[in-house]
């Protein structure tokens, strides 16, 4: 799936100012800055993304 075909979304906790990140899920999770969408994205295996979220939830 190409960059343009993915569905990106941001947290419902994000404010209206646009200071947040967006993610897209799949076998690889993509993370990008909403202010600089075209500059870069971080791609990590979905299992690692889930491990990060689980760790954040328990701390």
N, C-alpha and C. Protein backbone atom coordinates (compact mmCIF):
# COMPACT_ATOMS: atom_id res chain seq x y z
N UNK A 1 0.85 -1.18 0.00
CA UNK A 1 0.00 0.00 0.00
C UNK A 1 0.89 1.24 0.00
N UNK A 2 0.61 2.17 -0.87
CA UNK A 2 1.45 3.36 -0.95
C UNK A 2 1.05 4.39 0.10
N UNK A 3 1.90 5.36 0.26
CA UNK A 3 1.70 6.44 1.23
C UNK A 3 0.32 7.10 1.04
N UNK A 4 -0.07 7.36 -0.19
CA UNK A 4 -1.33 8.04 -0.46
C UNK A 4 -2.55 7.16 -0.21
N UNK A 5 -2.42 5.85 -0.29
CA UNK A 5 -3.56 4.96 -0.15
C UNK A 5 -3.91 4.68 1.31
N UNK A 6 -3.05 5.00 2.22
CA UNK A 6 -3.31 4.72 3.62
C UNK A 6 -4.29 5.72 4.21
N UNK A 7 -5.03 5.27 5.21
CA UNK A 7 -5.94 6.14 5.93
C UNK A 7 -5.27 6.58 7.22
N UNK A 8 -4.96 7.85 7.31
CA UNK A 8 -4.32 8.42 8.48
C UNK A 8 -5.37 8.99 9.41
N UNK A 9 -5.11 8.92 10.71
CA UNK A 9 -6.02 9.53 11.68
C UNK A 9 -5.23 10.02 12.88
N UNK A 10 -5.82 10.96 13.60
CA UNK A 10 -5.18 11.46 14.82
C UNK A 10 -6.08 11.19 16.00
N UNK A 11 -5.52 11.28 17.16
CA UNK A 11 -6.24 11.01 18.39
C UNK A 11 -7.38 11.99 18.59
N UNK A 12 -8.44 11.53 19.21
CA UNK A 12 -9.54 12.42 19.56
C UNK A 12 -9.14 13.36 20.67
N UNK A 13 -8.02 13.10 21.34
CA UNK A 13 -7.49 13.99 22.37
C UNK A 13 -6.74 15.18 21.77
N UNK A 14 -6.48 15.15 20.48
CA UNK A 14 -5.74 16.23 19.83
C UNK A 14 -6.56 17.50 19.83
N UNK A 15 -5.89 18.59 20.02
CA UNK A 15 -6.56 19.89 20.01
C UNK A 15 -6.73 20.42 18.60
N UNK A 16 -7.33 21.57 18.49
CA UNK A 16 -7.60 22.19 17.20
C UNK A 16 -6.37 22.88 16.61
N UNK A 17 -5.31 23.03 17.39
CA UNK A 17 -4.12 23.74 16.93
C UNK A 17 -3.28 22.93 15.96
N UNK A 18 -3.48 21.65 15.90
CA UNK A 18 -2.72 20.82 14.97
C UNK A 18 -1.39 20.34 15.50
N UNK A 19 -1.15 20.47 16.80
CA UNK A 19 0.09 20.00 17.41
C UNK A 19 -0.06 18.53 17.80
N UNK A 20 0.01 17.66 16.83
CA UNK A 20 -0.21 16.25 17.13
C UNK A 20 0.44 15.38 16.07
N UNK A 21 0.28 14.10 16.23
CA UNK A 21 0.76 13.14 15.25
C UNK A 21 -0.43 12.38 14.68
N UNK A 22 -0.24 11.82 13.53
CA UNK A 22 -1.24 10.96 12.91
C UNK A 22 -0.63 9.58 12.76
N UNK A 23 -1.48 8.58 12.77
CA UNK A 23 -1.03 7.20 12.58
C UNK A 23 -1.88 6.51 11.52
N UNK A 24 -1.32 5.48 10.96
CA UNK A 24 -2.04 4.58 10.07
C UNK A 24 -1.62 3.17 10.45
N UNK A 25 -2.59 2.30 10.59
CA UNK A 25 -2.30 0.94 11.03
C UNK A 25 -2.35 -0.05 9.89
N UNK A 26 -1.70 -1.15 10.12
CA UNK A 26 -1.62 -2.25 9.17
C UNK A 26 -0.48 -3.14 9.64
N UNK A 27 0.10 -3.94 8.77
CA UNK A 27 1.25 -4.74 9.16
C UNK A 27 2.40 -3.86 9.67
N UNK A 28 2.47 -2.66 9.11
CA UNK A 28 3.42 -1.64 9.56
C UNK A 28 2.61 -0.42 9.98
N UNK A 29 2.93 0.13 11.14
CA UNK A 29 2.26 1.33 11.62
C UNK A 29 3.09 2.53 11.23
N UNK A 30 2.44 3.50 10.60
CA UNK A 30 3.12 4.74 10.23
C UNK A 30 2.74 5.84 11.20
N UNK A 31 3.71 6.68 11.53
CA UNK A 31 3.49 7.81 12.43
C UNK A 31 4.09 9.04 11.76
N UNK A 32 3.34 10.15 11.74
CA UNK A 32 3.86 11.38 11.14
C UNK A 32 3.35 12.60 11.89
N UNK A 33 4.05 13.70 11.73
CA UNK A 33 3.71 14.98 12.33
C UNK A 33 2.65 15.66 11.46
N UNK A 34 1.59 16.14 12.07
CA UNK A 34 0.53 16.77 11.28
C UNK A 34 0.97 18.08 10.63
N UNK A 35 1.96 18.73 11.20
CA UNK A 35 2.43 20.00 10.62
C UNK A 35 3.39 19.79 9.46
N UNK A 36 3.99 18.62 9.38
CA UNK A 36 5.00 18.35 8.35
C UNK A 36 4.74 16.98 7.71
N UNK A 37 3.54 16.77 7.27
CA UNK A 37 3.13 15.48 6.73
C UNK A 37 4.01 14.99 5.59
N UNK A 38 4.44 15.88 4.73
CA UNK A 38 5.19 15.47 3.55
C UNK A 38 6.68 15.27 3.79
N UNK A 39 7.18 15.65 4.97
CA UNK A 39 8.62 15.56 5.21
C UNK A 39 9.08 14.14 5.51
N UNK A 40 8.36 13.45 6.38
CA UNK A 40 8.82 12.11 6.75
C UNK A 40 7.75 11.41 7.57
N UNK A 41 7.93 10.12 7.69
CA UNK A 41 7.09 9.33 8.59
C UNK A 41 7.96 8.25 9.21
N UNK A 42 7.58 7.84 10.39
CA UNK A 42 8.25 6.75 11.08
C UNK A 42 7.40 5.51 10.87
N UNK A 43 8.01 4.44 10.39
CA UNK A 43 7.31 3.18 10.17
C UNK A 43 7.88 2.11 11.09
N UNK A 44 7.00 1.46 11.83
CA UNK A 44 7.42 0.41 12.75
C UNK A 44 6.50 -0.79 12.59
N UNK A 45 6.99 -2.00 12.88
CA UNK A 45 6.11 -3.16 12.84
C UNK A 45 4.92 -2.97 13.79
N UNK A 46 3.77 -3.42 13.39
CA UNK A 46 2.56 -3.25 14.20
C UNK A 46 2.73 -3.85 15.59
N UNK A 47 3.45 -4.95 15.71
CA UNK A 47 3.65 -5.58 17.02
C UNK A 47 4.41 -4.65 17.96
N UNK A 48 5.38 -3.91 17.43
CA UNK A 48 6.15 -2.97 18.25
C UNK A 48 5.30 -1.77 18.65
N UNK A 49 4.48 -1.29 17.75
CA UNK A 49 3.57 -0.18 18.05
C UNK A 49 2.60 -0.59 19.17
N UNK A 50 2.05 -1.79 19.06
CA UNK A 50 1.13 -2.28 20.09
C UNK A 50 1.84 -2.43 21.43
N UNK A 51 3.09 -2.89 21.42
CA UNK A 51 3.85 -3.01 22.66
C UNK A 51 4.06 -1.63 23.30
N UNK A 52 4.36 -0.63 22.49
CA UNK A 52 4.51 0.74 23.01
C UNK A 52 3.21 1.23 23.64
N UNK A 53 2.11 1.07 22.95
CA UNK A 53 0.82 1.52 23.48
C UNK A 53 0.46 0.80 24.76
N UNK A 54 0.69 -0.51 24.82
CA UNK A 54 0.41 -1.27 26.04
C UNK A 54 1.26 -0.80 27.20
N UNK A 55 2.51 -0.49 26.94
CA UNK A 55 3.39 0.02 27.99
C UNK A 55 2.91 1.38 28.48
N UNK A 56 2.51 2.25 27.58
CA UNK A 56 2.02 3.57 27.97
C UNK A 56 0.74 3.47 28.80
N UNK A 57 -0.11 2.54 28.45
CA UNK A 57 -1.37 2.38 29.18
C UNK A 57 -1.17 1.88 30.61
N UNK A 58 -0.12 1.11 30.83
CA UNK A 58 0.09 0.54 32.16
C UNK A 58 0.94 1.44 33.05
N UNK A 59 1.49 2.50 32.50
CA UNK A 59 2.33 3.41 33.30
C UNK A 59 1.63 4.70 33.61
